[in-house]
N, C-alpha and C. Protein backbone atom coordinates (compact mmCIF):
# COMPACT_ATOMS: atom_id res chain seq x y z
N UNK A 1 7.20 -17.39 8.89
CA UNK A 1 6.01 -17.10 8.10
C UNK A 1 6.15 -17.74 6.72
N UNK A 2 5.09 -18.37 6.28
CA UNK A 2 5.07 -18.96 4.94
C UNK A 2 5.02 -17.84 3.90
N UNK A 3 5.79 -17.97 2.83
CA UNK A 3 5.79 -16.95 1.79
C UNK A 3 4.46 -16.96 1.04
N UNK A 4 3.98 -15.78 0.69
CA UNK A 4 2.69 -15.64 0.01
C UNK A 4 2.82 -15.65 -1.51
N UNK A 5 3.99 -15.30 -2.01
CA UNK A 5 4.21 -15.23 -3.45
C UNK A 5 5.68 -15.55 -3.72
N UNK A 6 6.11 -15.35 -4.94
CA UNK A 6 7.51 -15.60 -5.29
C UNK A 6 8.44 -14.56 -4.68
N UNK A 7 7.88 -13.44 -4.21
CA UNK A 7 8.69 -12.39 -3.59
C UNK A 7 8.72 -12.57 -2.08
N UNK A 8 9.90 -12.64 -1.51
CA UNK A 8 10.04 -12.85 -0.07
C UNK A 8 9.39 -11.72 0.72
N UNK A 9 8.79 -12.07 1.84
CA UNK A 9 8.06 -11.12 2.68
C UNK A 9 8.95 -10.05 3.27
N UNK A 10 10.11 -10.40 3.73
CA UNK A 10 10.98 -9.42 4.36
C UNK A 10 10.68 -9.28 5.84
N UNK A 11 11.36 -8.35 6.47
CA UNK A 11 11.22 -8.15 7.91
C UNK A 11 10.09 -7.21 8.26
N UNK A 12 9.83 -7.10 9.56
CA UNK A 12 8.80 -6.18 10.04
C UNK A 12 9.13 -4.77 9.56
N UNK A 13 8.11 -4.06 9.13
CA UNK A 13 8.27 -2.73 8.56
C UNK A 13 8.34 -1.69 9.69
N UNK A 14 9.35 -1.81 10.54
CA UNK A 14 9.47 -0.93 11.70
C UNK A 14 9.70 0.53 11.33
N UNK A 15 10.41 0.78 10.23
CA UNK A 15 10.72 2.15 9.82
C UNK A 15 9.45 2.96 9.58
N UNK A 16 8.43 2.33 9.01
CA UNK A 16 7.19 3.02 8.67
C UNK A 16 6.02 2.61 9.56
N UNK A 17 6.28 1.90 10.64
CA UNK A 17 5.22 1.35 11.49
C UNK A 17 4.24 2.41 11.99
N UNK A 18 4.73 3.63 12.23
CA UNK A 18 3.84 4.67 12.75
C UNK A 18 2.81 5.12 11.72
N UNK A 19 2.97 4.72 10.47
CA UNK A 19 2.03 5.08 9.42
C UNK A 19 1.08 3.94 9.06
N UNK A 20 1.07 2.88 9.88
CA UNK A 20 0.23 1.71 9.63
C UNK A 20 -0.60 1.38 10.86
N UNK A 21 -1.79 0.83 10.64
CA UNK A 21 -2.58 0.20 11.69
C UNK A 21 -2.38 -1.29 11.48
N UNK A 22 -1.81 -1.99 12.47
CA UNK A 22 -1.49 -3.41 12.30
C UNK A 22 -0.06 -3.60 11.83
N UNK A 23 0.30 -4.86 11.63
CA UNK A 23 1.68 -5.21 11.27
C UNK A 23 1.85 -5.33 9.77
N UNK A 24 2.87 -4.66 9.25
CA UNK A 24 3.25 -4.82 7.85
C UNK A 24 4.70 -5.27 7.80
N UNK A 25 5.08 -5.77 6.63
CA UNK A 25 6.43 -6.26 6.38
C UNK A 25 6.92 -5.65 5.08
N UNK A 26 8.24 -5.41 4.98
CA UNK A 26 8.79 -4.75 3.80
C UNK A 26 10.05 -5.45 3.34
N UNK A 27 10.10 -5.73 2.04
CA UNK A 27 11.29 -6.25 1.39
C UNK A 27 11.53 -5.38 0.16
N UNK A 28 12.55 -4.51 0.24
CA UNK A 28 12.87 -3.65 -0.91
C UNK A 28 13.53 -4.50 -1.99
N UNK A 29 12.85 -4.64 -3.12
CA UNK A 29 13.37 -5.45 -4.23
C UNK A 29 14.34 -4.64 -5.08
N UNK A 30 14.12 -3.32 -5.13
CA UNK A 30 15.00 -2.45 -5.90
C UNK A 30 15.06 -1.08 -5.23
N UNK A 31 16.26 -0.56 -5.11
CA UNK A 31 16.44 0.81 -4.63
C UNK A 31 17.16 1.65 -5.69
N UNK A 32 17.43 1.04 -6.83
CA UNK A 32 18.09 1.73 -7.94
C UNK A 32 17.10 1.92 -9.08
N UNK A 33 17.30 2.92 -9.89
CA UNK A 33 16.47 3.25 -11.04
C UNK A 33 15.02 3.52 -10.64
N UNK A 34 14.29 2.47 -10.29
CA UNK A 34 12.90 2.60 -9.85
C UNK A 34 12.77 1.85 -8.52
N UNK A 35 12.46 2.55 -7.43
CA UNK A 35 12.27 1.85 -6.15
C UNK A 35 11.02 0.96 -6.20
N UNK A 36 11.21 -0.31 -5.79
CA UNK A 36 10.12 -1.27 -5.74
C UNK A 36 10.19 -2.00 -4.42
N UNK A 37 9.12 -1.91 -3.65
CA UNK A 37 9.06 -2.60 -2.37
C UNK A 37 7.97 -3.64 -2.37
N UNK A 38 8.27 -4.81 -1.84
CA UNK A 38 7.25 -5.83 -1.63
C UNK A 38 6.68 -5.59 -0.24
N UNK A 39 5.42 -5.15 -0.18
CA UNK A 39 4.78 -4.82 1.09
C UNK A 39 3.75 -5.89 1.40
N UNK A 40 3.84 -6.45 2.61
CA UNK A 40 2.92 -7.49 3.06
C UNK A 40 2.17 -6.96 4.28
N UNK A 41 0.86 -7.16 4.27
CA UNK A 41 -0.02 -6.70 5.34
C UNK A 41 -0.68 -7.90 6.00
N UNK A 42 -0.68 -7.95 7.33
CA UNK A 42 -1.46 -8.97 8.02
C UNK A 42 -2.95 -8.60 7.85
N UNK A 43 -3.87 -9.55 8.10
CA UNK A 43 -5.29 -9.21 7.98
C UNK A 43 -5.64 -7.96 8.80
N UNK A 44 -6.43 -7.07 8.21
CA UNK A 44 -6.90 -5.80 8.76
C UNK A 44 -5.83 -4.70 8.80
N UNK A 45 -4.60 -5.01 8.46
CA UNK A 45 -3.54 -3.99 8.45
C UNK A 45 -3.76 -3.07 7.26
N UNK A 46 -3.56 -1.78 7.50
CA UNK A 46 -3.65 -0.80 6.42
C UNK A 46 -2.75 0.38 6.74
N UNK A 47 -2.33 1.07 5.67
CA UNK A 47 -1.53 2.27 5.90
C UNK A 47 -2.44 3.48 6.07
N UNK A 48 -1.88 4.55 6.58
CA UNK A 48 -2.62 5.80 6.74
C UNK A 48 -2.93 6.39 5.37
N UNK A 49 -3.87 7.31 5.34
CA UNK A 49 -4.05 8.13 4.16
C UNK A 49 -2.71 8.79 3.85
N UNK A 50 -2.36 8.88 2.60
CA UNK A 50 -1.11 9.52 2.23
C UNK A 50 -1.17 10.03 0.80
N UNK A 51 -0.20 10.91 0.48
CA UNK A 51 -0.13 11.54 -0.83
C UNK A 51 1.31 11.43 -1.33
N UNK A 52 1.46 10.97 -2.57
CA UNK A 52 2.77 10.97 -3.23
C UNK A 52 2.84 12.25 -4.07
N UNK A 53 3.47 13.26 -3.52
CA UNK A 53 3.56 14.55 -4.20
C UNK A 53 4.62 14.51 -5.29
N UNK A 54 4.39 15.26 -6.35
CA UNK A 54 5.39 15.46 -7.40
C UNK A 54 5.00 16.68 -8.21
N UNK A 55 6.01 17.42 -8.65
CA UNK A 55 5.76 18.56 -9.53
C UNK A 55 5.49 18.10 -10.96
N UNK A 56 6.11 16.98 -11.32
CA UNK A 56 5.94 16.40 -12.66
C UNK A 56 6.18 14.90 -12.53
N UNK A 57 5.38 14.10 -13.25
CA UNK A 57 5.51 12.64 -13.14
C UNK A 57 5.10 12.19 -11.75
N UNK A 58 5.79 11.18 -11.24
CA UNK A 58 5.55 10.72 -9.89
C UNK A 58 4.32 9.86 -9.74
N UNK A 59 3.93 9.63 -8.50
CA UNK A 59 2.82 8.74 -8.19
C UNK A 59 3.33 7.36 -7.81
N UNK A 60 2.44 6.40 -7.85
CA UNK A 60 2.78 5.04 -7.42
C UNK A 60 1.93 4.04 -8.20
N UNK A 61 2.49 2.86 -8.38
CA UNK A 61 1.74 1.73 -8.94
C UNK A 61 1.76 0.61 -7.92
N UNK A 62 0.62 -0.07 -7.78
CA UNK A 62 0.53 -1.25 -6.93
C UNK A 62 0.26 -2.46 -7.82
N UNK A 63 1.11 -3.47 -7.70
CA UNK A 63 0.94 -4.73 -8.42
C UNK A 63 0.62 -5.79 -7.37
N UNK A 64 -0.63 -6.22 -7.30
CA UNK A 64 -1.07 -7.13 -6.25
C UNK A 64 -0.60 -8.54 -6.58
N UNK A 65 0.14 -9.14 -5.64
CA UNK A 65 0.72 -10.46 -5.88
C UNK A 65 0.07 -11.57 -5.07
N UNK A 66 -0.64 -11.23 -3.98
CA UNK A 66 -1.24 -12.29 -3.15
C UNK A 66 -2.32 -11.71 -2.25
N UNK A 67 -3.30 -12.53 -1.92
CA UNK A 67 -4.32 -12.18 -0.95
C UNK A 67 -5.37 -11.23 -1.48
N UNK A 68 -6.10 -10.64 -0.53
CA UNK A 68 -7.15 -9.68 -0.86
C UNK A 68 -6.97 -8.43 -0.02
N UNK A 69 -7.28 -7.29 -0.62
CA UNK A 69 -7.10 -6.04 0.09
C UNK A 69 -8.01 -4.96 -0.44
N UNK A 70 -7.69 -3.74 -0.04
CA UNK A 70 -8.48 -2.57 -0.39
C UNK A 70 -7.58 -1.44 -0.87
N UNK A 71 -8.13 -0.62 -1.76
CA UNK A 71 -7.51 0.64 -2.18
C UNK A 71 -8.62 1.69 -2.22
N UNK A 72 -8.32 2.88 -1.71
CA UNK A 72 -9.32 3.93 -1.74
C UNK A 72 -8.67 5.29 -1.96
N UNK A 73 -9.25 6.06 -2.86
CA UNK A 73 -8.86 7.46 -3.06
C UNK A 73 -9.82 8.33 -2.28
N UNK A 74 -9.33 9.45 -1.78
CA UNK A 74 -10.12 10.39 -0.99
C UNK A 74 -11.38 10.80 -1.77
N UNK A 75 -12.54 10.67 -1.13
CA UNK A 75 -13.80 11.08 -1.73
C UNK A 75 -14.40 10.07 -2.68
N UNK A 76 -13.78 8.90 -2.84
CA UNK A 76 -14.29 7.86 -3.74
C UNK A 76 -14.51 6.57 -2.96
N UNK A 77 -15.36 5.67 -3.48
CA UNK A 77 -15.57 4.39 -2.79
C UNK A 77 -14.30 3.52 -2.85
N UNK A 78 -14.14 2.67 -1.84
CA UNK A 78 -13.01 1.75 -1.81
C UNK A 78 -13.17 0.67 -2.88
N UNK A 79 -12.04 0.20 -3.38
CA UNK A 79 -12.01 -0.88 -4.38
C UNK A 79 -11.40 -2.12 -3.77
N UNK A 80 -12.06 -3.25 -3.92
CA UNK A 80 -11.52 -4.53 -3.45
C UNK A 80 -10.42 -4.96 -4.42
N UNK A 81 -9.32 -5.45 -3.89
CA UNK A 81 -8.18 -5.89 -4.70
C UNK A 81 -7.90 -7.36 -4.48
N UNK A 82 -7.41 -8.02 -5.53
CA UNK A 82 -7.01 -9.42 -5.45
C UNK A 82 -5.76 -9.62 -6.30
N UNK A 83 -5.10 -10.76 -6.11
CA UNK A 83 -3.88 -11.05 -6.86
C UNK A 83 -4.11 -10.86 -8.36
N UNK A 84 -3.19 -10.16 -8.99
CA UNK A 84 -3.27 -9.88 -10.41
C UNK A 84 -3.76 -8.48 -10.73
N UNK A 85 -4.35 -7.80 -9.74
CA UNK A 85 -4.83 -6.43 -9.97
C UNK A 85 -3.66 -5.44 -10.02
N UNK A 86 -3.85 -4.39 -10.80
CA UNK A 86 -2.87 -3.30 -10.92
C UNK A 86 -3.60 -2.00 -10.62
N UNK A 87 -3.02 -1.18 -9.75
CA UNK A 87 -3.59 0.11 -9.42
C UNK A 87 -2.58 1.19 -9.80
N UNK A 88 -3.02 2.13 -10.63
CA UNK A 88 -2.19 3.28 -11.00
C UNK A 88 -2.65 4.47 -10.17
N UNK A 89 -1.78 4.99 -9.33
CA UNK A 89 -2.11 6.09 -8.44
C UNK A 89 -1.40 7.34 -8.94
N UNK A 90 -2.16 8.30 -9.44
CA UNK A 90 -1.51 9.53 -9.92
C UNK A 90 -0.84 10.29 -8.78
N UNK A 91 0.12 11.10 -9.12
CA UNK A 91 0.74 11.98 -8.13
C UNK A 91 -0.31 12.91 -7.54
N UNK A 92 -0.10 13.29 -6.29
CA UNK A 92 -0.91 14.30 -5.60
C UNK A 92 -2.34 13.85 -5.31
N UNK A 93 -2.59 12.52 -5.28
CA UNK A 93 -3.91 11.98 -4.96
C UNK A 93 -3.83 11.32 -3.58
N UNK A 94 -4.68 11.77 -2.66
CA UNK A 94 -4.72 11.22 -1.31
C UNK A 94 -5.40 9.85 -1.36
N UNK A 95 -4.78 8.84 -0.73
CA UNK A 95 -5.28 7.48 -0.82
C UNK A 95 -4.73 6.63 0.33
N UNK A 96 -5.24 5.39 0.44
CA UNK A 96 -4.69 4.40 1.36
C UNK A 96 -4.88 3.02 0.73
N UNK A 97 -4.15 2.02 1.26
CA UNK A 97 -4.32 0.63 0.82
C UNK A 97 -3.97 -0.30 1.97
N UNK A 98 -4.55 -1.49 1.93
CA UNK A 98 -4.28 -2.45 3.00
C UNK A 98 -5.04 -3.74 2.80
N UNK A 99 -4.92 -4.63 3.78
CA UNK A 99 -5.48 -5.97 3.70
C UNK A 99 -6.97 -6.00 4.02
N UNK A 100 -7.65 -6.97 3.46
CA UNK A 100 -9.03 -7.27 3.85
C UNK A 100 -9.00 -7.88 5.26
N UNK A 101 -10.13 -7.93 5.91
CA UNK A 101 -10.16 -8.39 7.30
C UNK A 101 -9.84 -9.88 7.44
N UNK A 102 -10.13 -10.67 6.42
CA UNK A 102 -9.91 -12.11 6.54
C UNK A 102 -8.78 -12.64 5.69
N UNK A 103 -7.85 -11.77 5.27
CA UNK A 103 -6.81 -12.22 4.34
C UNK A 103 -5.51 -11.45 4.54
N UNK A 104 -4.41 -12.16 4.40
CA UNK A 104 -3.13 -11.49 4.22
C UNK A 104 -3.18 -10.82 2.85
N UNK A 105 -2.34 -9.82 2.63
CA UNK A 105 -2.35 -9.06 1.39
C UNK A 105 -0.92 -8.66 1.07
N UNK A 106 -0.56 -8.80 -0.20
CA UNK A 106 0.80 -8.44 -0.61
C UNK A 106 0.76 -7.73 -1.95
N UNK A 107 1.53 -6.64 -2.05
CA UNK A 107 1.66 -5.96 -3.34
C UNK A 107 3.07 -5.43 -3.51
N UNK A 108 3.44 -5.26 -4.75
CA UNK A 108 4.67 -4.55 -5.07
C UNK A 108 4.29 -3.09 -5.20
N UNK A 109 4.97 -2.23 -4.46
CA UNK A 109 4.77 -0.79 -4.53
C UNK A 109 5.88 -0.21 -5.40
N UNK A 110 5.50 0.30 -6.55
CA UNK A 110 6.44 0.86 -7.51
C UNK A 110 6.35 2.38 -7.45
N UNK A 111 7.44 3.02 -7.10
CA UNK A 111 7.47 4.48 -7.03
C UNK A 111 7.77 5.01 -8.43
N UNK A 112 6.82 5.74 -9.00
CA UNK A 112 6.98 6.27 -10.35
C UNK A 112 7.93 7.47 -10.30
N UNK A 113 8.98 7.47 -11.13
CA UNK A 113 9.92 8.58 -11.11
C UNK A 113 9.24 9.91 -11.47
N UNK A 114 9.72 10.98 -10.86
CA UNK A 114 9.17 12.29 -11.13
C UNK A 114 10.09 13.37 -10.58
N UNK A 115 9.60 14.60 -10.65
CA UNK A 115 10.38 15.74 -10.17
C UNK A 115 9.85 16.20 -8.82
N UNK A 116 10.78 16.43 -7.88
CA UNK A 116 10.45 16.89 -6.53
C UNK A 116 9.43 15.98 -5.85
N UNK A 117 9.70 14.68 -5.86
CA UNK A 117 8.80 13.69 -5.26
C UNK A 117 8.98 13.64 -3.74
N UNK A 118 7.86 13.51 -3.04
CA UNK A 118 7.88 13.33 -1.59
C UNK A 118 6.57 12.67 -1.19
N UNK A 119 6.56 12.04 -0.03
CA UNK A 119 5.35 11.41 0.49
C UNK A 119 4.90 12.16 1.73
N UNK A 120 3.63 12.54 1.76
CA UNK A 120 3.02 13.18 2.92
C UNK A 120 2.10 12.15 3.58
N UNK A 121 2.40 11.81 4.84
CA UNK A 121 1.58 10.87 5.60
C UNK A 121 0.52 11.65 6.35
N UNK A 122 -0.72 11.18 6.28
CA UNK A 122 -1.86 11.88 6.87
C UNK A 122 -2.50 11.01 7.96
N UNK A 123 -3.78 11.23 8.21
CA UNK A 123 -4.48 10.56 9.31
C UNK A 123 -4.69 9.06 9.03
N UNK A 124 -4.96 8.33 10.12
CA UNK A 124 -5.24 6.90 10.03
C UNK A 124 -6.61 6.66 9.39
N UNK A 125 -6.75 5.50 8.80
CA UNK A 125 -8.06 4.98 8.42
C UNK A 125 -8.59 4.34 9.70
N UNK A 126 -9.64 4.92 10.27
CA UNK A 126 -10.12 4.46 11.58
C UNK A 126 -10.77 3.08 11.48
N UNK A 127 -10.88 2.41 12.62
CA UNK A 127 -11.57 1.12 12.66
C UNK A 127 -13.01 1.26 12.17
N UNK A 128 -13.65 2.39 12.49
CA UNK A 128 -15.03 2.62 12.05
C UNK A 128 -15.12 2.72 10.54
N UNK A 129 -14.22 3.52 9.93
CA UNK A 129 -14.20 3.64 8.46
C UNK A 129 -13.91 2.29 7.81
N UNK A 130 -12.90 1.61 8.35
CA UNK A 130 -12.50 0.32 7.79
C UNK A 130 -13.62 -0.70 7.92
N UNK A 131 -14.29 -0.72 9.08
CA UNK A 131 -15.36 -1.68 9.33
C UNK A 131 -16.51 -1.58 8.35
N UNK A 132 -16.75 -0.39 7.84
CA UNK A 132 -17.84 -0.18 6.86
C UNK A 132 -17.56 -0.87 5.53
N UNK A 133 -16.29 -1.14 5.23
CA UNK A 133 -15.93 -1.76 3.96
C UNK A 133 -16.41 -3.20 3.88
N UNK A 134 -16.37 -3.90 4.98
CA UNK A 134 -16.66 -5.32 4.97
C UNK A 134 -18.09 -5.60 5.46
N UNK A 135 -18.79 -4.54 5.88
CA UNK A 135 -20.10 -4.71 6.47
C UNK A 135 -21.17 -4.87 5.44
């Protein structure tokens, strides 16, 4: 696979595959101090709705490095993303992110340090829900 940005794509994201629709790839850039993963999504790939829980601090930041994608918080309209965009996701907010239908998508996922942090994986973003974004 041709690299999409200066950050290597990494291998198939088999560890978290059950939380994605489509194929994603993961290259952990840092596992010390602040975990940072380079996540790559094939076209139409997206993760399930999920929540980054924390008692204090926590949450996630997405730094979009290549392609086009989507980000959506529960109960709000989806936002189109492109290279250079930054998304600040507060702790305890249900959301999902993934690639647009006609583009590969890559972002750095930065786990914001906090107290008692955990991730709760929820339901899939259905093909019907996803299809409405591009329609």
